[in-house]
Amino acid sequence: MKLPTSYKTSSEIPIKETYHASDLTPAGAEERPGEYPYTRGVRPDMYRGRLWTMRQYAGFGTARESNERYRYLLKNGTTGLSVAFDLPTQIGYDSDDPMAEGEVGKTGVAIDSLEDMEILFDGIPLEQVSVSMTINATAAILLALLIAVGRKQGLSADKLSGTVQNDILKEYIARGTYIYPARNSLRLITDIFAYCDTEMPRFNTISISGYHIREAGASAVQELAFTFCNAICYVESALEAGLQVDDFAPRVSFFFNGHNNFFEEIAKFRAARRIWAKLMKERFHAKNERSMMLRFHTQTAGSTLTAQQVENNIVRVAFQGLAAVLGGTQSLHTNGMDEALSLPTEKAARVALRTQQLIAHESGVTDTVDPLAGSYYVEALTAEVEKRVMAYIDQVDEMGGSVEAVGNQFFQNEIRATAYRTQREIDQGERIIVGVNEYVNDEPVEPQLFSVGDAVRQEQATRLATLRARRDATRVESALNEIRSRARSTENLMPAIVAAVEVYTTLGEIANALRAEWGVYHE
């Protein structure tokens, strides 16, 4: 094994051999936690007052199967649910649609109607458990379904807590589960902002995601920069729709990746809080302190997990999770060791959750706030990440913002270039991946795998047919007509979507009604 000839972070930031007081900038270590610009944390006491929410991202097969996994996770100490939806649900197709064939229940749970949502949360008291939903193009529909389930449990919408991802711009950049043209998608997002401002004050209306941007191959700096460019676009869209910044910004949250470069990740999270606080105060003139506080969920990096020597992934996840905690996350999901091969088994999910519990209760890192503050290296890295992120934001501003940067492929090309460089370094042995290009074993990969069979689609299709036969078709058509009418106007769509799901209009029917009015996006 050869030693590196140069040292740098994932963002190509050169790493000096040693750091000294002369490397520090005035900001950072001297700031007080819980005070602007929140570099050291959004609360003065951080984890002394309350630990982060321990979420485990889960969902597969039918709603009944996923409900069983949620109950298992809650029994083992998870403190919040994070729902994964299958691909048809994400892009607005019912399970019996020809477009759904081969994908039903595979990457998450299949949700076609309120009936599925009722089963998904059966026996789970929504007034006690916060629910995060990783959903974007169909976020308005899934949020409406959650509201309807809450009402079935006797809860008004203002009693529900959690987060809906609702971040469509990163879909055009990094994932691809978009449906409508960007401007129409932004309309849906601002409709959710406005609706939740009055109806759901405890709910986070958006979780602006750098996670998927990073998974696509971006560096730490690109992850932050492109996420904040998207966030700026969302804020501007809400302002253009007539909302006041302090009416919606306190419920804006973020979703970041916990990657491998330990100190760069900690610096990334610290820099993120400082950047957002300054953007909200100086650019958007927010007055409410909560508008300036960046609150974020972290998920450890799925792209770093290896099929070879899967037990090594336990260690990777542990230090990625530790970096997130040292960086001040409000919520954390730790990946299962076997996720490079399949959905996690129950054992892998339990080990991943225990990893968080070990960090919380045995490591001692929660005993003091921002324990790495004042580190010459961490403070210098925090400042350098901030400087490079702001340079990207300025560049995108000059293009006219995120929608234009998506359209001219700027984000996509930047990510491709970084991903190519990273893979080339791995292929040439300049970047060591333990068990892959060094310390390799010849043992075959034979872990226990979790899989979802194709029978799920037939089960869902049968239930859909029964549902359509027994529901009131006249009420369904009336509800769809109201959605179409509002789509052609500027009226908020959320009340109409909530009314539609309550009469058991399906997700695919609602998405198709909007497709008919707005069309679809093609890259």
Protein backbone atom coordinates (compact mmCIF):
# COMPACT_ATOMS: atom_id res chain seq x y z
CA MET A 1 0.00 0.00 0.00
CA LYS A 2 1.42 3.37 -1.01
CA LEU A 3 1.09 6.45 1.16
CA PRO A 4 -0.60 9.57 -0.26
CA THR A 5 1.67 12.11 -1.92
CA SER A 6 -0.77 14.89 -1.07
CA TYR A 7 -3.50 15.25 1.52
CA LYS A 8 -6.91 16.76 0.77
CA THR A 9 -10.57 16.46 1.70
CA SER A 10 -13.34 15.24 -0.57
CA SER A 11 -13.80 18.87 -1.65
CA GLU A 12 -10.18 19.16 -2.74
CA ILE A 13 -9.35 21.34 0.28
CA PRO A 14 -5.62 20.89 0.96
CA ILE A 15 -4.83 19.56 4.45
CA LYS A 16 -1.78 21.03 6.17
CA GLU A 17 0.53 18.87 8.25
CA THR A 18 -0.24 20.90 11.37
CA TYR A 19 -2.58 23.74 12.27
CA HIS A 20 -1.90 26.64 14.62
CA ALA A 21 -3.66 29.66 16.13
CA SER A 22 -2.65 31.67 13.08
CA ASP A 23 -4.98 29.47 10.98
CA LEU A 24 -8.07 30.57 12.90
CA THR A 25 -10.56 33.21 11.79
CA PRO A 26 -12.39 35.38 14.35
CA ALA A 27 -15.67 33.45 13.94
CA GLY A 28 -16.24 29.99 15.35
CA ALA A 29 -14.80 28.98 18.68
CA GLU A 30 -15.66 32.23 20.48
CA GLU A 31 -19.34 32.08 19.52
CA ARG A 32 -21.84 30.91 22.09
CA PRO A 33 -24.04 27.90 21.31
CA GLY A 34 -27.66 28.81 20.72
CA GLU A 35 -26.81 32.32 19.53
CA TYR A 36 -26.51 33.78 16.02
CA PRO A 37 -24.97 32.56 13.72
CA TYR A 38 -25.33 29.18 15.50
CA THR A 39 -22.01 27.71 14.35
CA ARG A 40 -21.79 25.82 17.63
CA GLY A 41 -25.39 24.62 17.71
CA VAL A 42 -28.99 25.77 17.71
CA ARG A 43 -29.52 25.30 21.46
CA PRO A 44 -27.33 26.50 24.34
CA ASP A 45 -27.29 23.08 26.02
CA MET A 46 -27.62 20.90 22.89
CA TYR A 47 -27.66 17.19 23.86
CA ARG A 48 -27.58 17.89 27.59
CA GLY A 49 -31.14 19.13 27.24
CA ARG A 50 -32.40 16.69 24.61
CA LEU A 51 -30.78 13.99 22.51
CA TRP A 52 -31.24 13.94 18.76
CA THR A 53 -34.24 12.04 17.37
CA MET A 54 -33.16 8.51 16.55
CA ARG A 55 -34.92 7.65 13.29
CA GLN A 56 -34.56 4.51 11.21
CA TYR A 57 -35.56 4.89 7.57
CA ALA A 58 -37.81 1.95 6.77
CA GLY A 59 -40.56 0.80 4.46
CA PHE A 60 -41.04 -2.14 2.10
CA GLY A 61 -43.70 -4.32 0.56
CA THR A 62 -47.22 -3.73 1.79
CA ALA A 63 -48.37 -1.29 4.45
CA ARG A 64 -48.96 -4.22 6.82
CA GLU A 65 -45.37 -5.46 6.48
CA SER A 66 -43.96 -1.99 7.03
CA ASN A 67 -46.21 -1.45 10.04
CA GLU A 68 -44.68 -4.56 11.61
CA ARG A 69 -41.15 -3.18 11.04
CA TYR A 70 -42.12 0.18 12.56
CA ARG A 71 -43.48 -1.51 15.65
CA TYR A 72 -40.23 -3.50 15.89
CA LEU A 73 -38.12 -0.35 15.67
CA LEU A 74 -40.22 1.53 18.23
CA LYS A 75 -39.97 -1.44 20.59
CA ASN A 76 -36.17 -1.33 20.24
CA GLY A 77 -35.89 2.35 21.10
CA THR A 78 -36.24 4.41 17.95
CA THR A 79 -37.84 7.76 18.76
CA GLY A 80 -39.18 8.77 15.35
CA LEU A 81 -40.34 7.04 12.18
CA SER A 82 -38.86 7.73 8.75
CA VAL A 83 -41.00 6.34 5.94
CA ALA A 84 -39.51 5.01 2.71
CA PHE A 85 -41.92 4.81 -0.24
CA ASP A 86 -41.64 2.60 -3.30
CA LEU A 87 -40.87 4.07 -6.72
CA PRO A 88 -44.46 4.07 -8.06
CA THR A 89 -45.61 6.00 -4.99
CA GLN A 90 -42.77 8.48 -5.44
CA ILE A 91 -43.69 9.25 -9.06
CA GLY A 92 -47.46 9.11 -8.79
CA TYR A 93 -48.59 5.72 -10.07
CA ASP A 94 -50.94 3.27 -8.40
CA SER A 95 -49.65 -0.25 -7.90
CA ASP A 96 -51.88 -1.65 -10.65
CA ASP A 97 -50.65 0.85 -13.25
CA PRO A 98 -48.54 -0.76 -16.02
CA MET A 99 -45.78 1.76 -15.17
CA ALA A 100 -45.51 0.21 -11.70
CA GLU A 101 -44.72 -3.32 -12.84
CA GLY A 102 -41.62 -4.77 -11.20
CA GLU A 103 -41.27 -1.92 -8.67
CA VAL A 104 -44.16 -2.28 -6.24
CA GLY A 105 -42.91 -2.42 -2.66
CA LYS A 106 -39.27 -2.82 -3.71
CA THR A 107 -37.53 0.39 -2.54
CA GLY A 108 -40.13 1.26 0.07
CA VAL A 109 -43.74 0.76 1.03
CA ALA A 110 -46.51 0.86 -1.58
CA ILE A 111 -49.14 3.49 -0.74
CA ASP A 112 -52.10 3.75 -3.11
CA SER A 113 -54.85 5.20 -0.94
CA LEU A 114 -56.00 6.20 2.53
CA GLU A 115 -56.70 2.51 3.17
CA ASP A 116 -52.96 1.75 2.91
CA MET A 117 -52.06 4.71 5.11
CA GLU A 118 -54.52 3.56 7.79
CA ILE A 119 -52.81 0.17 7.84
CA LEU A 120 -49.31 1.71 7.81
CA PHE A 121 -49.95 3.56 11.08
CA ASP A 122 -52.27 1.03 12.71
CA GLY A 123 -51.56 0.96 16.43
CA ILE A 124 -49.00 3.78 16.19
CA PRO A 125 -50.16 6.86 18.16
CA LEU A 126 -49.36 9.81 15.91
CA GLU A 127 -49.70 12.28 18.78
CA GLN A 128 -46.62 10.64 20.37
CA VAL A 129 -44.45 9.71 17.36
CA SER A 130 -43.06 12.19 14.84
CA VAL A 131 -43.18 10.99 11.25
CA SER A 132 -40.67 11.89 8.55
CA MET A 133 -41.73 11.08 4.99
CA THR A 134 -39.12 10.91 2.24
CA ILE A 135 -41.38 12.00 -0.59
CA ASN A 136 -41.13 14.82 -3.10
CA ALA A 137 -43.14 14.91 -6.34
CA THR A 138 -46.19 13.46 -4.54
CA ALA A 139 -45.45 15.13 -1.18
CA ALA A 140 -48.75 17.03 -1.12
CA ILE A 141 -50.70 13.78 -1.53
CA LEU A 142 -48.78 11.89 1.17
CA LEU A 143 -49.09 14.81 3.56
CA ALA A 144 -52.84 14.85 2.89
CA LEU A 145 -52.99 11.12 3.61
CA LEU A 146 -51.18 11.64 6.93
CA ILE A 147 -53.65 14.39 7.85
CA ALA A 148 -56.54 12.05 7.02
CA VAL A 149 -55.07 9.22 9.13
CA GLY A 150 -54.59 11.66 12.01
CA ARG A 151 -58.26 12.59 11.81
CA LYS A 152 -59.14 8.89 11.86
CA GLN A 153 -57.17 8.70 15.14
CA GLY A 154 -59.07 11.71 16.48
CA LEU A 155 -56.23 14.18 15.92
CA SER A 156 -56.51 17.52 14.18
CA ALA A 157 -53.68 18.43 11.81
CA ASP A 158 -52.15 20.86 14.31
CA LYS A 159 -51.37 17.94 16.64
CA LEU A 160 -49.20 16.11 14.08
CA SER A 161 -45.42 16.46 14.17
CA GLY A 162 -42.77 15.41 11.70
CA THR A 163 -41.33 16.34 8.34
CA VAL A 164 -42.22 15.97 4.68
CA GLN A 165 -39.18 16.09 2.41
CA ASN A 166 -40.97 18.08 -0.32
CA ASP A 167 -37.67 19.01 -2.05
CA ILE A 168 -38.26 18.65 -5.77
CA LEU A 169 -35.28 20.58 -7.16
CA LYS A 170 -32.78 17.95 -6.05
CA GLU A 171 -34.84 15.40 -7.98
CA TYR A 172 -34.03 17.22 -11.22
CA ILE A 173 -30.39 17.41 -10.10
CA ALA A 174 -29.63 14.01 -8.62
CA ARG A 175 -32.46 11.46 -8.32
CA GLY A 176 -35.02 11.71 -11.11
CA THR A 177 -38.31 11.08 -9.27
CA TYR A 178 -39.93 14.23 -10.61
CA ILE A 179 -43.29 14.42 -12.40
CA TYR A 180 -44.24 17.95 -13.34
CA PRO A 181 -42.30 20.88 -14.82
CA ALA A 182 -40.23 22.74 -12.22
CA ARG A 183 -42.46 25.81 -11.92
CA ASN A 184 -45.56 23.69 -11.27
CA SER A 185 -43.63 21.64 -8.72
CA LEU A 186 -42.60 24.84 -6.95
CA ARG A 187 -46.28 25.83 -6.85
CA LEU A 188 -47.08 22.64 -4.94
CA ILE A 189 -44.28 23.34 -2.47
CA THR A 190 -45.45 26.86 -1.70
CA ASP A 191 -49.03 25.61 -1.36
CA ILE A 192 -47.79 23.22 1.34
CA PHE A 193 -45.92 26.10 3.05
CA ALA A 194 -49.06 28.25 3.12
CA TYR A 195 -51.37 25.43 4.24
CA CYS A 196 -49.11 24.27 7.07
CA ASP A 197 -48.54 27.83 8.29
CA THR A 198 -52.15 27.90 9.49
CA GLU A 199 -53.06 24.22 9.83
CA MET A 200 -49.89 22.35 10.92
CA PRO A 201 -47.62 24.56 13.04
CA ARG A 202 -45.70 21.58 14.47
CA PHE A 203 -44.84 20.09 11.07
CA ASN A 204 -41.66 20.76 9.10
CA THR A 205 -42.89 21.67 5.64
CA ILE A 206 -39.71 20.87 3.75
CA SER A 207 -36.48 18.99 4.34
CA ILE A 208 -34.12 20.43 1.77
CA SER A 209 -31.86 17.56 0.88
CA GLY A 210 -28.16 17.52 0.26
CA TYR A 211 -28.16 13.80 0.96
CA HIS A 212 -29.08 12.66 -2.53
CA ILE A 213 -26.80 15.24 -4.12
CA ARG A 214 -23.92 13.73 -2.14
CA GLU A 215 -25.00 10.18 -2.99
CA ALA A 216 -24.85 11.12 -6.68
CA GLY A 217 -21.14 11.88 -6.29
CA ALA A 218 -20.88 15.48 -5.04
CA SER A 219 -18.23 16.66 -2.61
CA ALA A 220 -19.03 18.03 0.86
CA VAL A 221 -18.80 21.62 -0.39
CA GLN A 222 -21.03 20.87 -3.41
CA GLU A 223 -23.54 19.13 -1.15
CA LEU A 224 -23.94 22.26 0.96
CA ALA A 225 -23.71 24.74 -1.89
CA PHE A 226 -26.27 23.13 -4.18
CA THR A 227 -28.64 22.48 -1.27
CA PHE A 228 -28.52 26.12 -0.23
CA CYS A 229 -29.02 27.26 -3.83
CA ASN A 230 -32.21 25.19 -3.85
CA ALA A 231 -33.21 26.58 -0.47
CA ILE A 232 -32.81 30.13 -1.77
CA CYS A 233 -35.09 29.24 -4.68
CA TYR A 234 -37.77 27.87 -2.34
CA VAL A 235 -37.66 30.95 -0.13
CA GLU A 236 -37.89 33.25 -3.15
CA SER A 237 -40.81 31.24 -4.54
CA ALA A 238 -42.67 31.49 -1.24
CA LEU A 239 -42.07 35.24 -1.07
CA GLU A 240 -43.32 35.63 -4.66
CA ALA A 241 -46.46 33.70 -3.65
CA GLY A 242 -47.15 36.36 -1.02
CA LEU A 243 -45.90 34.60 2.12
CA GLN A 244 -43.85 36.43 4.76
CA VAL A 245 -40.43 34.91 5.46
CA ASP A 246 -40.97 34.51 9.20
CA ASP A 247 -44.30 32.75 8.57
CA PHE A 248 -42.70 29.71 6.93
CA ALA A 249 -38.93 29.79 7.51
CA PRO A 250 -39.08 28.51 11.12
CA ARG A 251 -40.45 25.19 9.78
CA VAL A 252 -37.83 24.77 7.05
CA SER A 253 -35.41 21.93 7.79
CA PHE A 254 -32.52 20.23 6.02
CA PHE A 255 -31.29 16.71 5.32
CA PHE A 256 -27.56 16.09 5.00
CA ASN A 257 -25.24 13.17 4.34
CA GLY A 258 -22.87 11.80 6.97
CA HIS A 259 -19.85 10.81 4.88
CA ASN A 260 -16.40 9.36 5.49
CA ASN A 261 -14.01 12.30 5.92
CA PHE A 262 -14.57 12.69 9.65
CA PHE A 263 -13.33 16.22 10.29
CA GLU A 264 -14.61 17.64 7.00
CA GLU A 265 -18.10 16.36 7.85
CA ILE A 266 -18.05 18.02 11.28
CA ALA A 267 -16.83 21.25 9.70
CA LYS A 268 -19.52 20.95 7.02
CA PHE A 269 -22.31 20.81 9.59
CA ARG A 270 -20.88 23.73 11.58
CA ALA A 271 -20.44 25.81 8.41
CA ALA A 272 -23.97 24.96 7.27
CA ARG A 273 -25.54 26.56 10.34
CA ARG A 274 -23.46 29.70 9.94
CA ILE A 275 -24.23 30.05 6.22
CA TRP A 276 -27.98 29.58 6.64
CA ALA A 277 -28.17 32.05 9.51
CA LYS A 278 -26.40 34.70 7.46
CA LEU A 279 -28.50 34.02 4.35
CA MET A 280 -31.75 34.36 6.28
CA LYS A 281 -30.71 37.47 8.18
CA GLU A 282 -28.76 39.37 5.54
CA ARG A 283 -30.39 38.24 2.29
CA PHE A 284 -34.00 37.65 3.34
CA HIS A 285 -34.16 39.99 6.35
CA ALA A 286 -35.70 37.44 8.69
CA LYS A 287 -36.44 38.75 12.18
CA ASN A 288 -37.49 35.55 13.95
CA GLU A 289 -34.48 33.74 15.41
CA ARG A 290 -36.02 30.39 14.51
CA SER A 291 -35.99 31.44 10.85
CA MET A 292 -32.19 31.65 11.09
CA MET A 293 -31.63 28.37 12.94
CA LEU A 294 -30.64 25.56 10.61
CA ARG A 295 -32.11 22.31 11.90
CA PHE A 296 -31.15 19.14 10.08
CA HIS A 297 -31.51 15.40 9.86
CA THR A 298 -28.48 13.29 8.95
CA GLN A 299 -28.32 9.90 7.30
CA THR A 300 -25.08 8.00 7.05
CA ALA A 301 -23.74 7.58 3.52
CA GLY A 302 -25.28 4.67 1.65
CA SER A 303 -22.85 5.16 -1.22
CA THR A 304 -19.90 4.32 1.06
CA LEU A 305 -21.25 0.91 2.05
CA THR A 306 -19.56 -2.06 0.41
CA ALA A 307 -20.85 -5.47 -0.58
CA GLN A 308 -17.44 -6.87 0.28
CA GLN A 309 -16.80 -7.54 3.99
CA VAL A 310 -20.17 -6.13 5.03
CA GLU A 311 -19.21 -6.07 8.72
CA ASN A 312 -16.81 -3.21 7.89
CA ASN A 313 -19.91 -1.13 7.23
CA ILE A 314 -20.77 -1.21 10.94
CA VAL A 315 -17.58 0.73 11.60
CA ARG A 316 -18.14 3.13 8.69
CA VAL A 317 -21.64 3.90 9.93
CA ALA A 318 -20.39 4.39 13.50
CA PHE A 319 -17.90 7.12 12.68
CA GLN A 320 -20.23 8.75 10.15
CA GLY A 321 -22.90 8.90 12.85
CA LEU A 322 -20.38 10.18 15.38
CA ALA A 323 -19.38 12.99 13.01
CA ALA A 324 -23.05 13.98 12.68
CA VAL A 325 -23.43 14.15 16.45
CA LEU A 326 -20.21 16.12 16.89
CA GLY A 327 -21.53 18.41 14.16
CA GLY A 328 -24.78 19.00 16.05
CA THR A 329 -27.49 17.10 14.15
CA GLN A 330 -31.10 17.19 15.39
CA SER A 331 -32.03 13.80 13.95
CA LEU A 332 -30.06 10.78 12.74
CA HIS A 333 -30.55 7.63 10.70
CA THR A 334 -27.78 5.04 10.70
CA ASN A 335 -27.66 2.62 7.76
CA GLY A 336 -27.73 -1.15 8.08
CA MET A 337 -24.52 -3.01 7.34
CA ASP A 338 -26.13 -5.02 4.53
CA GLU A 339 -27.70 -2.15 2.56
CA ALA A 340 -25.16 -2.41 -0.26
CA LEU A 341 -26.89 -5.70 -1.08
CA SER A 342 -30.55 -5.36 -0.11
CA LEU A 343 -33.03 -3.71 2.21
CA PRO A 344 -31.74 -4.14 5.77
CA THR A 345 -32.60 -7.27 7.73
CA GLU A 346 -34.10 -6.83 11.20
CA LYS A 347 -30.73 -7.67 12.74
CA ALA A 348 -28.90 -5.07 10.64
CA ALA A 349 -31.54 -2.45 11.50
CA ARG A 350 -31.16 -3.24 15.19
CA VAL A 351 -27.34 -3.00 15.07
CA ALA A 352 -27.66 0.35 13.26
CA LEU A 353 -30.01 1.67 15.96
CA ARG A 354 -27.77 0.35 18.73
CA THR A 355 -24.90 2.28 17.11
CA GLN A 356 -26.76 5.53 17.77
CA GLN A 357 -27.58 4.47 21.32
CA LEU A 358 -23.91 3.66 21.98
CA ILE A 359 -22.87 7.10 20.72
CA ALA A 360 -25.54 8.72 22.92
CA HIS A 361 -24.96 6.83 26.14
CA GLU A 362 -21.42 5.41 26.18
CA SER A 363 -19.10 7.67 24.18
CA GLY A 364 -19.30 10.81 26.34
CA VAL A 365 -19.49 13.09 23.30
CA THR A 366 -22.88 14.47 24.38
CA ASP A 367 -21.59 15.72 27.74
CA THR A 368 -20.48 19.11 26.44
CA VAL A 369 -21.62 21.33 23.57
CA ASP A 370 -19.59 21.37 20.34
CA PRO A 371 -16.56 19.60 21.89
CA LEU A 372 -14.33 20.24 18.85
CA ALA A 373 -14.81 24.03 18.96
CA GLY A 374 -11.43 25.72 19.13
CA SER A 375 -9.65 22.92 17.30
CA TYR A 376 -7.28 24.72 14.96
CA TYR A 377 -8.03 22.21 12.22
CA VAL A 378 -11.83 22.10 12.63
CA GLU A 379 -12.19 25.88 12.87
CA ALA A 380 -9.97 26.48 9.83
CA LEU A 381 -11.85 23.81 7.87
CA THR A 382 -15.23 25.28 8.89
CA ALA A 383 -14.19 28.68 7.55
CA GLU A 384 -12.81 27.22 4.31
CA VAL A 385 -15.97 25.20 3.66
CA GLU A 386 -18.05 28.34 4.21
CA LYS A 387 -15.92 30.36 1.78
CA ARG A 388 -16.13 27.73 -0.97
CA VAL A 389 -19.88 27.24 -0.53
CA MET A 390 -20.51 30.97 -0.83
CA ALA A 391 -18.44 31.09 -4.03
CA TYR A 392 -20.76 28.45 -5.57
CA ILE A 393 -23.87 30.33 -4.42
CA ASP A 394 -22.57 33.52 -6.04
CA GLN A 395 -21.94 31.60 -9.26
CA VAL A 396 -25.49 30.18 -9.34
CA ASP A 397 -26.94 33.60 -8.51
CA GLU A 398 -25.21 34.97 -11.60
CA MET A 399 -26.94 32.27 -13.69
CA GLY A 400 -30.34 33.34 -12.38
CA GLY A 401 -30.81 30.72 -9.64
CA SER A 402 -31.39 27.00 -9.23
CA VAL A 403 -34.07 26.49 -11.89
CA GLU A 404 -31.77 27.97 -14.52
CA ALA A 405 -28.76 26.03 -13.17
CA VAL A 406 -30.79 22.80 -13.44
CA GLY A 407 -31.87 23.66 -16.96
CA ASN A 408 -28.34 24.29 -18.21
CA GLN A 409 -27.04 21.14 -16.44
CA PHE A 410 -24.60 23.11 -14.25
CA PHE A 411 -25.30 21.15 -11.06
CA GLN A 412 -25.40 17.84 -12.88
CA ASN A 413 -22.09 18.43 -14.67
CA GLU A 414 -20.33 19.55 -11.50
CA ILE A 415 -21.46 16.40 -9.70
CA ARG A 416 -20.46 14.15 -12.61
CA ALA A 417 -16.97 15.63 -12.67
CA THR A 418 -16.50 15.05 -8.93
CA ALA A 419 -17.89 11.52 -9.09
CA TYR A 420 -15.56 10.69 -11.98
CA ARG A 421 -12.54 12.07 -10.13
CA THR A 422 -13.41 10.08 -7.00
CA GLN A 423 -13.89 6.81 -8.87
CA ARG A 424 -10.66 7.33 -10.78
CA GLU A 425 -8.78 7.80 -7.48
CA ILE A 426 -10.28 4.55 -6.18
CA ASP A 427 -9.44 2.67 -9.37
CA GLN A 428 -5.85 3.90 -9.29
CA GLY A 429 -5.42 3.10 -5.58
CA GLU A 430 -5.02 6.75 -4.57
CA ARG A 431 -8.09 6.47 -2.34
CA ILE A 432 -8.21 3.32 -0.19
CA ILE A 433 -11.52 1.53 0.31
CA VAL A 434 -10.91 -1.20 2.86
CA GLY A 435 -11.98 -4.59 1.55
CA VAL A 436 -12.41 -3.30 -2.00
CA ASN A 437 -9.05 -2.13 -3.36
CA GLU A 438 -6.91 -2.97 -0.28
CA TYR A 439 -7.09 -5.64 2.43
CA VAL A 440 -9.18 -7.79 0.11
CA ASN A 441 -10.40 -11.27 1.05
CA ASP A 442 -11.21 -13.98 -1.47
CA GLU A 443 -14.19 -15.17 0.57
CA PRO A 444 -17.52 -15.17 -1.32
CA VAL A 445 -20.17 -12.66 -0.30
CA GLU A 446 -22.94 -14.72 1.29
CA PRO A 447 -24.85 -12.57 3.80
CA GLN A 448 -28.47 -13.14 4.78
CA LEU A 449 -30.51 -10.96 2.43
CA PHE A 450 -33.91 -9.37 2.77
CA SER A 451 -36.07 -9.28 -0.37
CA VAL A 452 -39.56 -8.31 -1.46
CA GLY A 453 -41.35 -10.61 -3.89
CA ASP A 454 -43.45 -9.66 -6.92
CA ALA A 455 -46.61 -10.97 -5.21
CA VAL A 456 -46.91 -7.57 -3.50
CA ARG A 457 -48.13 -5.99 -6.75
CA GLN A 458 -50.94 -8.50 -7.18
CA GLU A 459 -52.00 -8.07 -3.56
CA GLN A 460 -52.11 -4.29 -3.96
CA ALA A 461 -53.97 -4.55 -7.29
CA THR A 462 -56.62 -6.82 -5.74
CA ARG A 463 -57.14 -4.43 -2.84
CA LEU A 464 -57.35 -1.47 -5.22
CA ALA A 465 -60.05 -3.18 -7.27
CA THR A 466 -62.08 -3.84 -4.11
CA LEU A 467 -61.60 -0.26 -2.96
CA ARG A 468 -62.75 1.24 -6.26
CA ALA A 469 -65.84 -0.98 -6.26
CA ARG A 470 -67.04 0.07 -2.81
CA ARG A 471 -66.17 3.79 -2.67
CA ASP A 472 -68.53 6.56 -3.82
CA ALA A 473 -67.44 7.18 -7.43
CA THR A 474 -69.45 10.41 -7.67
CA ARG A 475 -67.65 11.93 -4.70
CA VAL A 476 -64.30 10.84 -6.11
CA GLU A 477 -64.96 12.47 -9.49
CA SER A 478 -66.18 15.64 -7.80
CA ALA A 479 -62.98 15.76 -5.73
CA LEU A 480 -60.82 15.29 -8.84
CA ASN A 481 -62.71 18.06 -10.65
CA GLU A 482 -61.95 20.43 -7.77
CA ILE A 483 -58.23 19.53 -7.99
CA ARG A 484 -58.24 20.18 -11.74
CA SER A 485 -59.99 23.52 -11.23
CA ARG A 486 -57.53 24.67 -8.58
CA ALA A 487 -54.57 23.53 -10.70
CA ARG A 488 -55.74 25.97 -13.39
CA SER A 489 -56.09 28.80 -10.86
CA THR A 490 -53.93 30.15 -8.03
CA GLU A 491 -56.05 28.62 -5.26
CA ASN A 492 -54.20 26.49 -2.73
CA LEU A 493 -54.36 22.83 -3.77
CA MET A 494 -53.91 21.29 -0.32
CA PRO A 495 -57.53 21.54 0.92
CA ALA A 496 -58.75 19.90 -2.30
CA ILE A 497 -56.16 17.10 -2.07
CA VAL A 498 -57.06 16.44 1.58
CA ALA A 499 -60.74 16.26 0.64
CA ALA A 500 -59.93 13.88 -2.22
CA VAL A 501 -57.95 11.36 -0.18
CA GLU A 502 -60.65 11.32 2.49
CA VAL A 503 -63.13 9.90 -0.05
CA TYR A 504 -60.48 7.31 -1.03
CA THR A 505 -59.33 8.88 -4.27
CA THR A 506 -56.06 7.11 -5.07
CA LEU A 507 -52.61 8.63 -5.29
CA GLY A 508 -52.36 7.78 -8.98
CA GLU A 509 -55.71 9.38 -9.76
CA ILE A 510 -54.70 12.64 -8.10
CA ALA A 511 -51.27 12.67 -9.78
CA ASN A 512 -52.87 11.97 -13.15
CA ALA A 513 -55.31 14.84 -12.70
CA LEU A 514 -52.37 17.19 -12.21
CA ARG A 515 -50.47 15.61 -15.12
CA ALA A 516 -53.43 16.37 -17.35
CA GLU A 517 -53.34 20.06 -16.34
CA TRP A 518 -49.59 20.69 -16.09
CA GLY A 519 -47.90 18.09 -18.28
CA VAL A 520 -44.71 16.25 -17.31
CA TYR A 521 -41.05 17.21 -17.20
CA HIS A 522 -38.54 15.68 -19.61
CA GLU A 523 -34.84 16.30 -19.09
